[in-house]
């Protein structure tokens, strides 16, 4: 299946959930927000939401500063 992550097209060969996607992309799960098809997904729901063909995913990293 083909998905879009942060504007880049990615091919996923098997069905995975949002948490598994972060692992696949080697992204930390801390200080991250995920938007799936223009809707913010709560972290507690990541393991229960399966990615589908043509999904558009935005992963936002939060950084501290002062």
N, C-alpha and C. Protein backbone atom coordinates (compact mmCIF):
# COMPACT_ATOMS: atom_id res chain seq x y z
N UNK A 1 0.84 -1.17 0.00
CA UNK A 1 0.00 0.00 0.00
C UNK A 1 0.89 1.24 0.00
N UNK A 2 0.38 2.30 -0.54
CA UNK A 2 1.11 3.56 -0.64
C UNK A 2 0.48 4.57 0.32
N UNK A 3 1.33 5.19 1.15
CA UNK A 3 0.87 6.22 2.08
C UNK A 3 1.76 7.45 1.91
N UNK A 4 1.35 8.55 2.50
CA UNK A 4 2.16 9.77 2.50
C UNK A 4 2.48 10.13 3.94
N UNK A 5 3.78 10.28 4.23
CA UNK A 5 4.22 10.66 5.57
C UNK A 5 5.02 11.95 5.44
N UNK A 6 4.51 13.00 6.07
CA UNK A 6 5.14 14.32 6.03
C UNK A 6 5.47 14.74 4.59
N UNK A 7 4.53 14.49 3.69
CA UNK A 7 4.68 14.91 2.31
C UNK A 7 5.47 13.96 1.43
N UNK A 8 6.03 12.89 1.99
CA UNK A 8 6.80 11.93 1.21
C UNK A 8 6.01 10.64 1.02
N UNK A 9 6.03 10.11 -0.19
CA UNK A 9 5.34 8.86 -0.48
C UNK A 9 6.15 7.69 0.05
N UNK A 10 5.48 6.79 0.75
CA UNK A 10 6.12 5.59 1.30
C UNK A 10 5.30 4.38 0.90
N UNK A 11 5.99 3.27 0.67
CA UNK A 11 5.30 2.01 0.40
C UNK A 11 5.41 1.13 1.63
N UNK A 12 4.29 0.64 2.10
CA UNK A 12 4.21 -0.25 3.25
C UNK A 12 3.78 -1.61 2.73
N UNK A 13 4.54 -2.65 3.06
CA UNK A 13 4.27 -3.97 2.48
C UNK A 13 3.28 -4.81 3.28
N UNK A 14 3.00 -4.39 4.52
CA UNK A 14 2.04 -5.14 5.32
C UNK A 14 1.19 -4.17 6.13
N UNK A 15 0.11 -4.67 6.67
CA UNK A 15 -0.78 -3.85 7.48
C UNK A 15 -0.12 -3.55 8.82
N UNK A 16 -0.03 -2.27 9.18
CA UNK A 16 0.56 -1.87 10.46
C UNK A 16 -0.29 -0.78 11.10
N UNK A 17 -0.04 -0.56 12.40
CA UNK A 17 -0.74 0.52 13.08
C UNK A 17 0.20 1.73 13.20
N UNK A 18 -0.29 2.81 13.76
CA UNK A 18 0.51 4.04 13.84
C UNK A 18 1.75 3.86 14.71
N UNK A 19 1.64 3.14 15.80
CA UNK A 19 2.80 2.89 16.66
C UNK A 19 3.88 2.11 15.92
N UNK A 20 3.47 1.12 15.16
CA UNK A 20 4.43 0.32 14.38
C UNK A 20 5.07 1.17 13.28
N UNK A 21 4.32 2.11 12.73
CA UNK A 21 4.87 3.00 11.71
C UNK A 21 6.03 3.81 12.28
N UNK A 22 5.86 4.33 13.50
CA UNK A 22 6.94 5.08 14.13
C UNK A 22 8.19 4.22 14.28
N UNK A 23 8.01 2.97 14.69
CA UNK A 23 9.14 2.05 14.81
C UNK A 23 9.78 1.80 13.44
N UNK A 24 8.97 1.58 12.43
CA UNK A 24 9.46 1.33 11.08
C UNK A 24 10.28 2.51 10.56
N UNK A 25 9.86 3.72 10.89
CA UNK A 25 10.55 4.92 10.44
C UNK A 25 11.65 5.37 11.40
N UNK A 26 11.87 4.58 12.46
CA UNK A 26 12.89 4.87 13.48
C UNK A 26 12.67 6.23 14.13
N UNK A 27 11.40 6.53 14.44
CA UNK A 27 11.06 7.77 15.12
C UNK A 27 10.73 7.48 16.58
N UNK A 28 11.18 8.33 17.48
CA UNK A 28 10.84 8.13 18.90
C UNK A 28 9.36 8.42 19.12
N UNK A 29 8.76 7.76 20.08
CA UNK A 29 7.34 8.00 20.35
C UNK A 29 7.12 9.11 21.36
N UNK A 30 8.19 9.58 21.99
CA UNK A 30 8.06 10.67 22.96
C UNK A 30 8.09 12.01 22.24
N UNK A 31 7.31 12.95 22.74
CA UNK A 31 7.26 14.31 22.23
C UNK A 31 6.90 14.37 20.75
N UNK A 32 5.94 13.53 20.36
CA UNK A 32 5.48 13.48 18.97
C UNK A 32 3.96 13.56 18.95
N UNK A 33 3.45 14.23 17.95
CA UNK A 33 2.01 14.23 17.68
C UNK A 33 1.82 13.66 16.27
N UNK A 34 0.73 12.92 16.09
CA UNK A 34 0.43 12.34 14.79
C UNK A 34 -0.93 12.84 14.31
N UNK A 35 -0.94 13.25 13.06
CA UNK A 35 -2.18 13.64 12.39
C UNK A 35 -2.42 12.64 11.27
N UNK A 36 -3.59 12.04 11.27
CA UNK A 36 -3.96 11.06 10.25
C UNK A 36 -5.13 11.61 9.46
N UNK A 37 -4.90 11.85 8.18
CA UNK A 37 -5.94 12.40 7.31
C UNK A 37 -6.60 13.65 7.91
N UNK A 38 -5.73 14.54 8.40
CA UNK A 38 -6.12 15.86 8.93
C UNK A 38 -6.81 15.81 10.29
N UNK A 39 -6.70 14.69 10.99
CA UNK A 39 -7.25 14.60 12.34
C UNK A 39 -6.16 14.16 13.30
N UNK A 40 -6.01 14.87 14.40
CA UNK A 40 -5.01 14.52 15.40
C UNK A 40 -5.44 13.23 16.10
N UNK A 41 -4.48 12.33 16.27
CA UNK A 41 -4.76 11.03 16.90
C UNK A 41 -4.08 11.02 18.27
N UNK A 42 -4.85 10.69 19.30
CA UNK A 42 -4.29 10.61 20.65
C UNK A 42 -3.31 9.45 20.74
N UNK A 43 -2.25 9.66 21.50
CA UNK A 43 -1.20 8.66 21.64
C UNK A 43 -1.75 7.31 22.12
N UNK A 44 -2.71 7.34 23.00
CA UNK A 44 -3.26 6.08 23.52
C UNK A 44 -3.99 5.28 22.44
N UNK A 45 -4.32 5.91 21.32
CA UNK A 45 -5.03 5.24 20.23
C UNK A 45 -4.10 4.73 19.12
N UNK A 46 -2.82 5.08 19.15
CA UNK A 46 -1.90 4.71 18.07
C UNK A 46 -1.89 3.22 17.78
N UNK A 47 -1.89 2.40 18.81
CA UNK A 47 -1.82 0.94 18.62
C UNK A 47 -3.11 0.35 18.05
N UNK A 48 -4.19 1.12 18.09
CA UNK A 48 -5.49 0.60 17.66
C UNK A 48 -5.92 1.11 16.28
N UNK A 49 -5.10 1.98 15.69
CA UNK A 49 -5.47 2.54 14.39
C UNK A 49 -4.56 1.97 13.31
N UNK A 50 -5.17 1.22 12.41
CA UNK A 50 -4.43 0.59 11.31
C UNK A 50 -4.36 1.53 10.13
N UNK A 51 -3.18 1.62 9.56
CA UNK A 51 -2.96 2.46 8.39
C UNK A 51 -3.57 1.80 7.16
N UNK A 52 -4.21 2.63 6.34
CA UNK A 52 -4.86 2.14 5.12
C UNK A 52 -4.19 2.77 3.89
N UNK A 53 -4.40 2.16 2.74
CA UNK A 53 -3.85 2.68 1.50
C UNK A 53 -4.32 4.12 1.29
N UNK A 54 -3.41 4.96 0.85
CA UNK A 54 -3.65 6.37 0.53
C UNK A 54 -3.81 7.27 1.75
N UNK A 55 -3.56 6.75 2.96
CA UNK A 55 -3.61 7.61 4.16
C UNK A 55 -2.53 8.68 4.07
N UNK A 56 -2.85 9.84 4.63
CA UNK A 56 -1.90 10.94 4.72
C UNK A 56 -1.60 11.16 6.20
N UNK A 57 -0.31 11.03 6.55
CA UNK A 57 0.11 11.09 7.94
C UNK A 57 1.12 12.21 8.11
N UNK A 58 0.92 13.01 9.13
CA UNK A 58 1.90 14.05 9.49
C UNK A 58 2.40 13.72 10.89
N UNK A 59 3.71 13.70 11.04
CA UNK A 59 4.33 13.44 12.34
C UNK A 59 5.05 14.71 12.74
N UNK A 60 4.69 15.26 13.89
CA UNK A 60 5.25 16.52 14.37
C UNK A 60 6.06 16.26 15.62
N UNK A 61 7.31 16.74 15.62
CA UNK A 61 8.19 16.61 16.79
C UNK A 61 8.11 17.89 17.60
N UNK A 62 7.96 17.77 18.90
CA UNK A 62 7.97 18.92 19.77
C UNK A 62 9.39 19.12 20.31
N UNK A 63 9.85 20.35 20.29
CA UNK A 63 11.17 20.65 20.82
C UNK A 63 11.03 21.76 21.86
N UNK A 64 11.84 21.67 22.89
CA UNK A 64 11.83 22.68 23.92
C UNK A 64 12.84 23.77 23.60
N UNK A 65 12.70 24.86 24.24
CA UNK A 65 13.64 25.94 24.00
C UNK A 65 13.30 27.12 24.89
N UNK A 66 14.06 28.10 24.78
CA UNK A 66 13.79 29.25 25.61
C UNK A 66 14.38 30.51 25.09
